[in-house]
Amino acid sequence: MSSKYKVGEDAIAHFVTFTVVGWIDVFSRETYKEIFIKSLQYCQENKGLQLHAWIIMTNHVHLIISSNSNKLEYLVRDIKKYCSKQIVAAIQENTIESRKEWMLNLFNYAGKNNNNNTNFQFWKQDYHPIELNSPTKTKERLNYLHENPVRSGLVWEPWHYKYSSAIDYYTNEQGLLKIEYL
């Protein structure tokens, strides 16, 4: 899908957002968040992904990423493609997922109505890359990302949210993923 937002220089950090189709709260389950985290770890270790900040909300993900060795659009493509297949398969195999039929029907409907897919569509097509080419823009996006669970009423403080890099930025502790500070 074409967008007015385009990836700039790959080595410059970009703020990107991945949104689940229909804003489905897939990531309210820890098992699906773990799949996403493993994908990011793999890309960090094997594909040159530099992860500067991240958060997994219930129905979308924000990342601040860059790469000195790979095109960001390829990294985003690979992350989204791998995660969507793995998460849909996990939903299909999850015998205690109370929302299984509903979610799979919505993913199937979205996939059948998009020429770029053959079956399920998990993510919305666009990822809205914003090049963080100034300290002001970087600080604004970093704060926006980390304050997301506070604004949503999930936690009192950003660093209390487990699935975020806020703990890395606000405390002396390390979070779930290795990050490269901005």
Protein backbone atom coordinates (compact mmCIF):
# COMPACT_ATOMS: atom_id res chain seq x y z
CA MET A 1 0.00 0.00 0.00
CA SER A 2 1.35 3.38 -0.91
CA SER A 3 1.80 5.98 1.77
CA LYS A 4 2.98 9.55 1.96
CA TYR A 5 5.36 8.32 4.67
CA LYS A 6 8.55 6.79 3.32
CA VAL A 7 11.64 5.43 5.01
CA GLY A 8 14.49 7.92 4.84
CA GLU A 9 18.11 7.06 5.60
CA ASP A 10 18.19 3.53 7.10
CA ALA A 11 20.96 4.40 9.57
CA ILE A 12 18.84 7.21 11.07
CA ALA A 13 16.35 6.09 13.71
CA HIS A 14 12.74 5.85 12.55
CA PHE A 15 9.55 5.70 14.59
CA VAL A 16 7.27 3.00 13.15
CA THR A 17 3.87 1.66 14.15
CA PHE A 18 2.38 -1.75 13.36
CA THR A 19 -1.37 -1.99 13.93
CA VAL A 20 -3.41 -5.19 14.05
CA VAL A 21 -6.29 -5.19 11.54
CA GLY A 22 -9.55 -4.13 13.12
CA TRP A 23 -7.60 -2.97 16.17
CA ILE A 24 -8.03 -6.49 17.57
CA ASP A 25 -6.52 -6.81 21.06
CA VAL A 26 -4.33 -9.79 20.16
CA PHE A 27 -1.51 -8.68 22.43
CA SER A 28 -3.66 -8.87 25.53
CA ARG A 29 -2.26 -12.42 25.70
CA GLU A 30 1.35 -12.80 26.83
CA THR A 31 2.03 -15.74 24.51
CA TYR A 32 1.49 -13.58 21.41
CA LYS A 33 3.70 -10.79 22.80
CA GLU A 34 6.49 -13.33 23.30
CA ILE A 35 6.31 -14.31 19.62
CA PHE A 36 6.79 -10.67 18.66
CA ILE A 37 9.73 -10.28 21.06
CA LYS A 38 11.45 -13.39 19.66
CA SER A 39 11.12 -11.98 16.16
CA LEU A 40 12.75 -8.71 17.22
CA GLN A 41 15.56 -10.62 18.96
CA TYR A 42 16.18 -12.67 15.83
CA CYS A 43 16.36 -9.56 13.66
CA GLN A 44 18.74 -7.92 16.13
CA GLU A 45 21.05 -10.94 16.12
CA ASN A 46 20.85 -11.89 12.44
CA LYS A 47 19.57 -9.01 10.29
CA GLY A 48 21.22 -5.86 11.61
CA LEU A 49 18.18 -4.43 13.40
CA GLN A 50 19.13 -1.69 15.83
CA LEU A 51 16.32 -1.38 18.34
CA HIS A 52 16.33 1.96 20.15
CA ALA A 53 12.91 1.83 21.84
CA TRP A 54 9.83 -0.36 21.71
CA ILE A 55 6.43 -1.04 23.20
CA ILE A 56 3.79 -3.70 22.61
CA MET A 57 0.29 -2.45 23.35
CA THR A 58 -2.81 -4.64 23.11
CA ASN A 59 -3.49 -3.95 19.42
CA HIS A 60 -0.44 -2.14 18.09
CA VAL A 61 3.31 -1.87 18.43
CA HIS A 62 5.60 1.15 18.32
CA LEU A 63 9.30 0.79 17.55
CA ILE A 64 12.19 3.16 17.10
CA ILE A 65 14.62 1.35 14.83
CA SER A 66 17.54 1.82 12.47
CA SER A 67 20.07 -0.33 10.63
CA ASN A 68 23.56 0.14 9.27
CA SER A 69 23.47 -3.09 7.28
CA ASN A 70 19.94 -3.66 6.04
CA LYS A 71 17.10 -1.64 4.56
CA LEU A 72 14.46 -0.76 7.17
CA GLU A 73 11.66 -1.57 4.77
CA TYR A 74 13.03 -5.12 4.42
CA LEU A 75 13.35 -5.50 8.19
CA VAL A 76 9.80 -4.27 8.72
CA ARG A 77 8.53 -6.61 6.00
CA ASP A 78 10.30 -9.59 7.56
CA ILE A 79 9.17 -8.82 11.11
CA LYS A 80 5.56 -8.31 10.09
CA LYS A 81 5.45 -11.36 7.81
CA TYR A 82 7.07 -13.73 10.30
CA CYS A 83 5.06 -12.50 13.29
CA SER A 84 1.75 -12.59 11.48
CA LYS A 85 2.24 -16.22 10.43
CA GLN A 86 3.48 -17.29 13.85
CA ILE A 87 0.76 -15.49 15.80
CA VAL A 88 -2.07 -16.70 13.56
CA ALA A 89 -0.73 -20.27 13.88
CA ALA A 90 -0.51 -19.84 17.67
CA ILE A 91 -4.12 -18.63 17.76
CA GLN A 92 -5.23 -21.59 15.64
CA GLU A 93 -3.43 -24.05 17.93
CA ASN A 94 -4.49 -22.40 21.20
CA THR A 95 -7.16 -24.67 22.64
CA ILE A 96 -8.07 -22.21 25.39
CA GLU A 97 -8.24 -19.04 23.25
CA SER A 98 -11.79 -17.82 23.86
CA ARG A 99 -11.63 -15.37 20.95
CA LYS A 100 -10.14 -17.79 18.40
CA GLU A 101 -13.05 -18.04 15.96
CA TRP A 102 -13.78 -14.31 16.09
CA MET A 103 -10.15 -13.28 15.50
CA LEU A 104 -9.52 -15.82 12.73
CA ASN A 105 -12.73 -14.75 10.96
CA LEU A 106 -11.61 -11.09 11.04
CA PHE A 107 -8.08 -11.96 9.83
CA ASN A 108 -9.56 -14.12 7.07
CA TYR A 109 -12.01 -11.40 6.01
CA ALA A 110 -9.23 -8.78 5.89
CA GLY A 111 -7.02 -11.14 3.89
CA LYS A 112 -9.66 -11.97 1.32
CA ASN A 113 -10.34 -8.25 0.79
CA ASN A 114 -6.69 -7.40 0.14
CA ASN A 115 -5.01 -8.36 -3.12
CA ASN A 116 -1.63 -8.56 -1.35
CA ASN A 117 -2.76 -11.58 0.73
CA THR A 118 -3.98 -15.06 -0.03
CA ASN A 119 -5.38 -16.01 3.38
CA PHE A 120 -5.14 -14.11 6.62
CA GLN A 121 -4.13 -10.52 7.11
CA PHE A 122 -2.86 -9.81 10.62
CA TRP A 123 -1.28 -6.33 10.33
CA LYS A 124 -2.63 -3.25 8.61
CA GLN A 125 -0.54 -2.62 5.49
CA ASP A 126 1.18 0.63 6.42
CA TYR A 127 3.66 1.23 9.23
CA HIS A 128 3.94 5.02 9.05
CA PRO A 129 7.74 5.50 9.23
CA ILE A 130 8.88 8.83 10.65
CA GLU A 131 12.56 9.69 10.39
CA LEU A 132 13.81 11.05 13.71
CA ASN A 133 16.24 13.56 12.26
CA SER A 134 16.23 16.09 15.10
CA PRO A 135 16.65 15.88 18.88
CA THR A 136 13.21 17.43 19.40
CA LYS A 137 11.45 14.92 17.17
CA THR A 138 13.36 12.05 18.78
CA LYS A 139 12.43 13.14 22.32
CA GLU A 140 8.77 13.65 21.38
CA ARG A 141 8.43 10.16 19.85
CA LEU A 142 10.37 8.48 22.65
CA ASN A 143 8.10 10.09 25.26
CA TYR A 144 4.98 9.28 23.23
CA LEU A 145 6.02 5.64 22.93
CA HIS A 146 6.85 5.18 26.62
CA GLU A 147 3.82 7.11 27.91
CA ASN A 148 1.39 4.98 25.86
CA PRO A 149 0.51 2.50 28.65
CA VAL A 150 0.12 5.35 31.15
CA ARG A 151 -2.33 7.15 28.85
CA SER A 152 -4.18 3.84 28.38
CA GLY A 153 -4.53 3.38 32.13
CA LEU A 154 -2.50 0.15 32.24
CA VAL A 155 0.20 1.45 34.63
CA TRP A 156 0.95 4.48 36.79
CA GLU A 157 4.52 4.94 35.52
CA PRO A 158 6.05 4.07 32.12
CA TRP A 159 8.77 1.86 33.59
CA HIS A 160 6.15 -0.35 35.26
CA TYR A 161 5.03 -1.73 31.89
CA LYS A 162 6.81 -5.03 31.18
CA TYR A 163 6.58 -4.96 27.38
CA SER A 164 8.44 -1.72 26.78
CA SER A 165 11.90 -0.21 26.76
CA ALA A 166 10.82 2.37 29.37
CA ILE A 167 12.61 0.46 32.13
CA ASP A 168 15.86 0.89 30.16
CA TYR A 169 15.38 4.63 29.82
CA TYR A 170 13.93 5.50 33.23
CA THR A 171 15.84 3.14 35.56
CA ASN A 172 19.21 1.40 35.84
CA GLU A 173 17.60 -1.95 35.02
CA GLN A 174 17.50 -3.76 31.70
CA GLY A 175 14.23 -4.71 30.03
CA LEU A 176 13.30 -7.74 27.95
CA LEU A 177 15.17 -6.66 24.80
CA LYS A 178 18.61 -5.25 24.23
CA ILE A 179 18.34 -1.65 23.12
CA GLU A 180 20.74 0.90 21.70
CA TYR A 181 20.05 4.20 23.41
CA LEU A 182 19.24 7.32 21.43
